[in-house]
C-alpha atoms as a PDB file:
ATOM      1  CA  MET A   1     160.432 193.552 -43.345  1.00  0.00           C
ATOM      2  CA  PRO A   2     158.995 195.616 -46.210  1.00  0.00           C
ATOM      3  CA  PRO A   3     161.241 198.487 -47.380  1.00  0.00           C
ATOM      4  CA  VAL A   4     158.380 200.938 -46.856  1.00  0.00           C
ATOM      5  CA  LEU A   5     158.297 200.025 -43.148  1.00  0.00           C
ATOM      6  CA  ILE A   6     162.003 200.802 -42.743  1.00  0.00           C
ATOM      7  CA  GLU A   7     161.470 204.163 -44.430  1.00  0.00           C
ATOM      8  CA  ARG A   8     158.491 204.866 -42.162  1.00  0.00           C
ATOM      9  CA  ILE A   9     160.450 203.948 -39.018  1.00  0.00           C
ATOM     10  CA  ARG A  10     163.271 206.275 -40.063  1.00  0.00           C
ATOM     11  CA  LYS A  11     160.821 209.093 -40.785  1.00  0.00           C
ATOM     12  CA  GLU A  12     158.559 208.748 -37.736  1.00  0.00           C
ATOM     13  CA  LEU A  13     160.942 207.505 -35.030  1.00  0.00           C
ATOM     14  CA  GLY A  14     164.151 209.114 -36.179  1.00  0.00           C
ATOM     15  CA  PRO A  15     166.839 206.400 -36.030  1.00  0.00           C
ATOM     16  CA  ARG A  16     169.507 206.996 -38.636  1.00  0.00           C
ATOM     17  CA  ASP A  17     170.366 203.337 -39.091  1.00  0.00           C
ATOM     18  CA  ILE A  18     168.314 200.194 -39.050  1.00  0.00           C
ATOM     19  CA  ILE A  19     170.260 197.014 -39.699  1.00  0.00           C
ATOM     20  CA  THR A  20     169.563 193.317 -39.940  1.00  0.00           C
ATOM     21  CA  ALA A  21     171.964 190.641 -38.827  1.00  0.00           C
ATOM     22  CA  TYR A  22     172.070 186.869 -38.498  1.00  0.00           C
ATOM     23  CA  GLY A  23     173.707 184.797 -35.803  1.00  0.00           C
ATOM     24  CA  MET A  24     173.052 182.163 -33.177  1.00  0.00           C
ATOM     25  CA  ALA A  25     172.716 182.331 -29.420  1.00  0.00           C
ATOM     26  CA  GLU A  26     175.981 180.376 -29.116  1.00  0.00           C
ATOM     27  CA  CYS A  27     178.075 182.857 -31.109  1.00  0.00           C
ATOM     28  CA  ALA A  28     178.304 186.427 -32.297  1.00  0.00           C
ATOM     29  CA  ASN A  29     176.680 187.700 -35.474  1.00  0.00           C
ATOM     30  CA  ILE A  30     177.770 186.014 -38.674  1.00  0.00           C
ATOM     31  CA  THR A  31     176.211 188.389 -41.210  1.00  0.00           C
ATOM     32  CA  LEU A  32     175.322 192.054 -41.015  1.00  0.00           C
ATOM     33  CA  CYS A  33     173.815 194.747 -43.240  1.00  0.00           C
ATOM     34  CA  ARG A  34     175.950 197.867 -43.338  1.00  0.00           C
ATOM     35  CA  PRO A  35     174.639 200.879 -41.430  1.00  0.00           C
ATOM     36  CA  GLY A  36     173.351 203.439 -43.930  1.00  0.00           C
ATOM     37  CA  GLY A  37     173.062 200.793 -46.650  1.00  0.00           C
ATOM     38  CA  PRO A  38     170.218 200.624 -49.162  1.00  0.00           C
ATOM     39  CA  VAL A  39     166.769 200.102 -47.641  1.00  0.00           C
ATOM     40  CA  GLU A  40     166.141 197.163 -49.985  1.00  0.00           C
ATOM     41  CA  THR A  41     169.268 195.348 -48.742  1.00  0.00           C
ATOM     42  CA  THR A  42     168.293 195.834 -45.098  1.00  0.00           C
ATOM     43  CA  ALA A  43     164.709 194.752 -45.779  1.00  0.00           C
ATOM     44  CA  GLN A  44     165.352 191.741 -47.980  1.00  0.00           C
ATOM     45  CA  THR A  45     168.649 190.195 -46.825  1.00  0.00           C
ATOM     46  CA  CYS A  46     170.683 189.286 -43.760  1.00  0.00           C
ATOM     47  CA  GLY A  47     173.633 191.211 -45.157  1.00  0.00           C
ATOM     48  CA  ALA A  48     177.114 190.024 -45.972  1.00  0.00           C
ATOM     49  CA  ALA A  49     179.440 187.806 -43.979  1.00  0.00           C
ATOM     50  CA  ILE A  50     181.311 189.691 -41.283  1.00  0.00           C
ATOM     51  CA  PRO A  51     185.097 189.561 -41.892  1.00  0.00           C
ATOM     52  CA  GLY A  52     186.546 186.364 -40.448  1.00  0.00           C
ATOM     53  CA  ASN A  53     183.400 184.334 -41.187  1.00  0.00           C
ATOM     54  CA  GLU A  54     182.676 182.080 -44.126  1.00  0.00           C
ATOM     55  CA  VAL A  55     179.115 181.435 -45.238  1.00  0.00           C
ATOM     56  CA  ILE A  56     177.862 178.724 -47.572  1.00  0.00           C
ATOM     57  CA  PHE A  57     174.380 177.722 -48.613  1.00  0.00           C
ATOM     58  CA  ALA A  58     173.640 174.012 -48.645  1.00  0.00           C
ATOM     59  CA  GLY A  59     170.694 171.976 -49.834  1.00  0.00           C
ATOM     60  CA  ASP A  60     168.722 169.583 -47.642  1.00  0.00           C
ATOM     61  CA  ASN A  61     171.361 166.959 -48.431  1.00  0.00           C
ATOM     62  CA  GLY A  62     174.119 169.146 -46.930  1.00  0.00           C
ATOM     63  CA  ILE A  63     175.892 169.672 -50.262  1.00  0.00           C
ATOM     64  CA  GLU A  64     176.981 173.247 -51.004  1.00  0.00           C
ATOM     65  CA  LEU A  65     174.814 174.996 -53.595  1.00  0.00           C
ATOM     66  CA  PRO A  66     176.391 176.933 -56.454  1.00  0.00           C
ATOM     67  CA  ARG A  67     176.520 180.738 -56.256  1.00  0.00           C
ATOM     68  CA  GLY A  68     173.220 182.238 -57.422  1.00  0.00           C
ATOM     69  CA  ALA A  69     171.143 179.113 -56.739  1.00  0.00           C
ATOM     70  CA  VAL A  70     167.573 179.723 -55.644  1.00  0.00           C
ATOM     71  CA  CYS A  71     166.101 177.549 -52.897  1.00  0.00           C
ATOM     72  CA  ALA A  72     162.412 176.818 -52.532  1.00  0.00           C
END
């Protein structure tokens, strides 16, 4: 979602917080953007791991990627 759209929603519809989260139907959310966090974080990420969860990024081969790796 473009940051400008989040700003417009806040301005025109009035919600204080808009968040993004990631999870699966089989479980609760795994990541979450913090309410009131930067618009860019909400717009461009799925947030940070919720306490008690561990998140890794793996390549197509299933091997964990190093921190900061960029996937195509």
